[in-house]
C-alpha cells in the first residue's frame, strides 16, 4: 500500500524530531546486520520496485499533471517523468548496487608498530544521513540503496514535485527491508511537502543527523550550506566546460560535444559552455555548431564565435554562469590552453571539465591544471555519473573538497575507525 502525501502537519518540527529518533534507534541494526542481509534487502527492493511498477507509474502521472499545471518547463518534467523503461532502470540500478562489494569492515590499511601494536583502519558507516533532493523520483531508490549498502540509515526529503512518485518508490523500499527482517525506519521518507521539514532537517534533529546531502538547484544548496548545523556534503550545479584544443580531431570534437550537450540536457553532467581554441576555431567550430543546431541546440556566443557562426545569438556575462539544463549552449573562442583554464577557474562550479585533443602533453597539463571534481580527456562530460564510474549509482556529484569528491557511491559514504590489537602493551 503506497502512502499518501500529507499536505498539512500541525507539528512538523515534532514529526521530524521523531523521525530522527527512530533513525538513530535502528542504526546499529543495519550496521550489524552483515553484508549478506544488506545484499538480500537490496535484492528484495529491486524485486518490489518491479512488483510496484504500475503503482509507481500511476503516482508519477499525478506528479507530472501537477507539474504541468504549475507551468514547469518540459526540461524539468523530463527529469521528473518515469516510463516503464525508467522504472526497470531503477530496479536494475538497485541490483547493481546489491552486486557491489560491501564496504563495511574492510581494512584499508594495516601496520605493526615497533612496540608490537597491530593497528588497522577499518571502514564504518557515517551514521544517519539526511538527503534533500528535487525533481527525480529515481533518487529515492538510488539514495536508499546506497545508504543500505554502506550501512547508513537515511531520512529522505524529496521535492514536492515528485512526492507522489517518491512515496510509491519508498513503499517498495520498505517492503524489501522488512522482508529480510530489517526495520522499516532504516529508510524514512518525509511525507509532507511543507518546507518547514527542510528547516527541521537543517537543525540536525537533536543531534540525530550526522551528515546532510543536498542534491538540487543552487538556491537549495546555498540555503543548506548557510543554515545547516551539521556537516554538509554539497552537490552543486554542473557549470561544465568542454575545451576543443588546437590539436583536436574534428570528427571526435563534433561527436563528443554533441553528446556532452545533447544526450540528456537536464543532467548535471551536461556541458554548458564550449571553449574553442582560436587557432582552429575557423575549422572546428562551424561543423560542431552545425551538428548542435541540427540536434535542436540554441547557441549563444561571444563576438569571435558569432563571426564564425552567424546563427548564434550574443552571449552575455550571465551565460557563462548559467546551468541551462536545456538545449542551450554558450560558446567562447579562447586564446589557447591557459585562457581556457582561466575561464574554467573563473566561471566553473568545480564539477566536470573536458578537453578534446590529440596532444598528450597538453592533455596532461589540462588534467593537472583544472581542479574540478572530474576532469576528462577525449570523452563526453556526461560520463560524470556514478554508474558509469562503476559505483552502481550515486547520491550525487560532490563538489566539496573534504571527505568525498566526484560521484558519491557506497564506499564514499563510509568513514573509518582504528582497530588496535595488543598483547598487553602499556605506554611508558
Foldseek 3Di string as FASTA:
>chain_A
DFDAFDADDPCLLVVLLVLLVLQQVQLVVLQVVDLVLLLQLLLQLLVLLVVLVVQLQVLLVVLLVVCVVVVHDPLLNVQQHDDSVNSNVLSVLSNLLSPDPQQFQDFPDWDADPVGKIKTKTWAFLEEEEEEEERHLSLLSQVLSLCSSLSYQYEYEYAPSNLSSNSSSLVSSLSSQVVSPRHSSSYHYNRYNPPVNVVSVLACSVVSHAEYEYYYAPVVQVVSVVRHPHHYFYFYAQQEEEEEAPAFDQVLVLVQLLCLCPVRLQDRLRHAEYEYEPNCCLPRVPVSVVSLVVSPAAEAEDPVSCVNPVSHHHDDPVSLQDSPSDRYHYYYYAHGDVRVLVSCVVRGPLFEYEYGHPDPVSLVVNVVSRRGLYYYYSHHSVCQFCVSVSLSGASHAGRDPPQDGGGHGNNSSIDIDMDIDDDDDDDD
